C-alpha atoms as a PDB file:
ATOM      1  CA  MET A   1       0.047  -0.066   0.250  1.00  0.00           C
ATOM      2  CA  ALA A   2       1.391   3.638  -1.031  1.00  0.00           C
ATOM      3  CA  ALA A   3       0.794   6.892  -0.215  1.00  0.00           C
ATOM      4  CA  ASP A   4       1.858   9.980  -0.573  1.00  0.00           C
ATOM      5  CA  SER A   5       3.915  11.735   2.090  1.00  0.00           C
ATOM      6  CA  THR A   6       1.793  14.608   2.432  1.00  0.00           C
ATOM      7  CA  ASN A   7      -1.795  14.687   2.585  1.00  0.00           C
ATOM      8  CA  TYR A   8      -3.401  17.686   3.099  1.00  0.00           C
ATOM      9  CA  GLY A   9      -6.790  16.999   5.476  1.00  0.00           C
ATOM     10  CA  ALA A  10      -9.674  18.733   6.817  1.00  0.00           C
ATOM     11  CA  GLY A  11      -8.200  23.056   6.858  1.00  0.00           C
ATOM     12  CA  GLY A  12      -5.393  22.543   4.522  1.00  0.00           C
ATOM     13  CA  ARG A  13      -3.032  21.151   7.189  1.00  0.00           C
ATOM     14  CA  SER A  14      -0.532  18.402   6.140  1.00  0.00           C
ATOM     15  CA  ARG A  15      -0.439  15.092   7.525  1.00  0.00           C
ATOM     16  CA  GLU A  16       2.461  12.800   8.020  1.00  0.00           C
ATOM     17  CA  ILE A  17       2.389   9.166   7.535  1.00  0.00           C
ATOM     18  CA  VAL A  18       4.552   6.775   9.080  1.00  0.00           C
ATOM     19  CA  VAL A  19       5.860   3.441   7.572  1.00  0.00           C
ATOM     20  CA  THR A  20       7.015   0.869   9.453  1.00  0.00           C
ATOM     21  CA  GLY A  21       7.611  -3.025   9.800  1.00  0.00           C
ATOM     22  CA  LEU A  22       9.755  -4.304   6.809  1.00  0.00           C
ATOM     23  CA  ARG A  23       9.064  -1.886   3.970  1.00  0.00           C
ATOM     24  CA  GLN A  24      10.690   1.112   6.331  1.00  0.00           C
ATOM     25  CA  SER A  25      13.177  -1.364   7.738  1.00  0.00           C
ATOM     26  CA  LEU A  26      14.320  -2.440   4.358  1.00  0.00           C
ATOM     27  CA  SER A  27      14.707   0.978   3.733  1.00  0.00           C
ATOM     28  CA  ASP A  28      16.639   2.212   6.166  1.00  0.00           C
ATOM     29  CA  LEU A  29      19.365  -0.328   5.915  1.00  0.00           C
ATOM     30  CA  GLY A  30      19.344   0.597   2.382  1.00  0.00           C
ATOM     31  CA  SER A  31      20.141   4.441   2.786  1.00  0.00           C
ATOM     32  CA  TYR A  32      22.607   3.156   5.562  1.00  0.00           C
ATOM     33  CA  LYS A  33      24.224   0.851   2.926  1.00  0.00           C
ATOM     34  CA  ALA A  34      24.296   3.509   0.536  1.00  0.00           C
ATOM     35  CA  GLU A  35      25.711   6.014   2.539  1.00  0.00           C
ATOM     36  CA  THR A  36      28.566   4.146   4.005  1.00  0.00           C
ATOM     37  CA  ALA A  37      32.279   4.670   2.212  1.00  0.00           C
ATOM     38  CA  GLY A  38      33.262   0.763   2.620  1.00  0.00           C
ATOM     39  CA  VAL A  39      31.146  -2.576   2.389  1.00  0.00           C
ATOM     40  CA  VAL A  40      28.634  -2.764   5.001  1.00  0.00           C
ATOM     41  CA  ASP A  41      26.016  -5.376   5.928  1.00  0.00           C
ATOM     42  CA  ALA A  42      23.435  -4.323   8.268  1.00  0.00           C
ATOM     43  CA  ILE A  43      20.749  -5.706  10.666  1.00  0.00           C
ATOM     44  CA  THR A  44      18.561  -3.650  13.037  1.00  0.00           C
ATOM     45  CA  ALA A  45      17.774  -4.829  16.564  1.00  0.00           C
ATOM     46  CA  GLU A  46      13.833  -4.431  15.683  1.00  0.00           C
ATOM     47  CA  ASP A  47      14.451  -7.360  12.662  1.00  0.00           C
ATOM     48  CA  ILE A  48      16.742  -9.513  15.286  1.00  0.00           C
ATOM     49  CA  GLY A  49      13.494  -9.401  17.656  1.00  0.00           C
ATOM     50  CA  LYS A  50      12.115 -11.079  14.768  1.00  0.00           C
ATOM     51  CA  PHE A  51      14.265 -13.767  14.411  1.00  0.00           C
ATOM     52  CA  PRO A  52      12.790 -17.101  15.804  1.00  0.00           C
ATOM     53  CA  ASP A  53      16.623 -17.428  17.376  1.00  0.00           C
ATOM     54  CA  THR A  54      17.573 -18.180  21.038  1.00  0.00           C
ATOM     55  CA  ASN A  55      20.154 -15.542  21.485  1.00  0.00           C
ATOM     56  CA  LEU A  56      22.413 -12.584  19.756  1.00  0.00           C
ATOM     57  CA  ALA A  57      24.757 -15.358  18.052  1.00  0.00           C
ATOM     58  CA  GLU A  58      22.556 -16.937  16.411  1.00  0.00           C
ATOM     59  CA  SER A  59      20.638 -14.001  14.562  1.00  0.00           C
ATOM     60  CA  ILE A  60      23.709 -12.489  13.462  1.00  0.00           C
ATOM     61  CA  GLN A  61      24.904 -15.357  12.104  1.00  0.00           C
ATOM     62  CA  ARG A  62      22.936 -14.603   9.227  1.00  0.00           C
ATOM     63  CA  ILE A  63      24.996 -11.882   8.385  1.00  0.00           C
ATOM     64  CA  PRO A  64      27.587 -12.896   5.434  1.00  0.00           C
ATOM     65  CA  GLY A  65      30.686 -13.343   6.864  1.00  0.00           C
ATOM     66  CA  VAL A  66      29.777 -14.609  10.450  1.00  0.00           C
ATOM     67  CA  THR A  67      30.127 -17.730  12.233  1.00  0.00           C
ATOM     68  CA  ILE A  68      29.180 -18.748  15.488  1.00  0.00           C
ATOM     69  CA  ASP A  69      30.942 -21.916  17.428  1.00  0.00           C
ATOM     70  CA  ARG A  70      28.215 -23.804  19.923  1.00  0.00           C
ATOM     71  CA  MET A  71      28.022 -25.058  23.338  1.00  0.00           C
ATOM     72  CA  ASN A  72      24.932 -27.259  24.380  1.00  0.00           C
ATOM     73  CA  ASN A  73      23.637 -26.638  21.113  1.00  0.00           C
ATOM     74  CA  GLU A  74      23.432 -23.101  21.541  1.00  0.00           C
ATOM     75  CA  GLY A  75      25.246 -20.459  19.715  1.00  0.00           C
ATOM     76  CA  SER A  76      27.864 -19.120  22.327  1.00  0.00           C
ATOM     77  CA  GLN A  77      30.960 -17.213  20.134  1.00  0.00           C
ATOM     78  CA  VAL A  78      30.723 -15.088  17.145  1.00  0.00           C
ATOM     79  CA  THR A  79      34.005 -15.164  14.160  1.00  0.00           C
ATOM     80  CA  VAL A  80      33.689 -12.278  11.840  1.00  0.00           C
ATOM     81  CA  ARG A  81      35.321 -12.447   9.390  1.00  0.00           C
ATOM     82  CA  GLY A  82      39.151 -11.224  10.097  1.00  0.00           C
ATOM     83  CA  PHE A  83      38.316 -11.037  13.695  1.00  0.00           C
ATOM     84  CA  GLY A  84      38.314 -13.991  15.899  1.00  0.00           C
ATOM     85  CA  PRO A  85      36.278 -14.949  18.711  1.00  0.00           C
ATOM     86  CA  GLU A  86      38.694 -13.020  21.466  1.00  0.00           C
ATOM     87  CA  PHE A  87      37.326  -9.985  19.588  1.00  0.00           C
ATOM     88  CA  ASN A  88      33.700 -10.040  19.781  1.00  0.00           C
ATOM     89  CA  LEU A  89      31.419 -10.473  23.126  1.00  0.00           C
ATOM     90  CA  VAL A  90      28.252 -11.481  22.618  1.00  0.00           C
ATOM     91  CA  PRO A  91      25.848 -11.333  25.812  1.00  0.00           C
END
């Protein structure tokens, strides 16, 4: 469903339409990646909360270049391409 960002209601006052959800999330991430000088992949906290994973490590393993080690069948240590698990902390 698309709408103009400036709709004029009663009395000629402008109303602002705020887009939320998946469409807004994709828009925010796209603009973040476009404004960055280097190669970037991003995931928002709101999106992480929507994943069916049990902890943060399992959620961020979905980003390319991120791998995790498991202890007791649960993600525990995060390795990002070029940085070992000793440089990353997952609560």
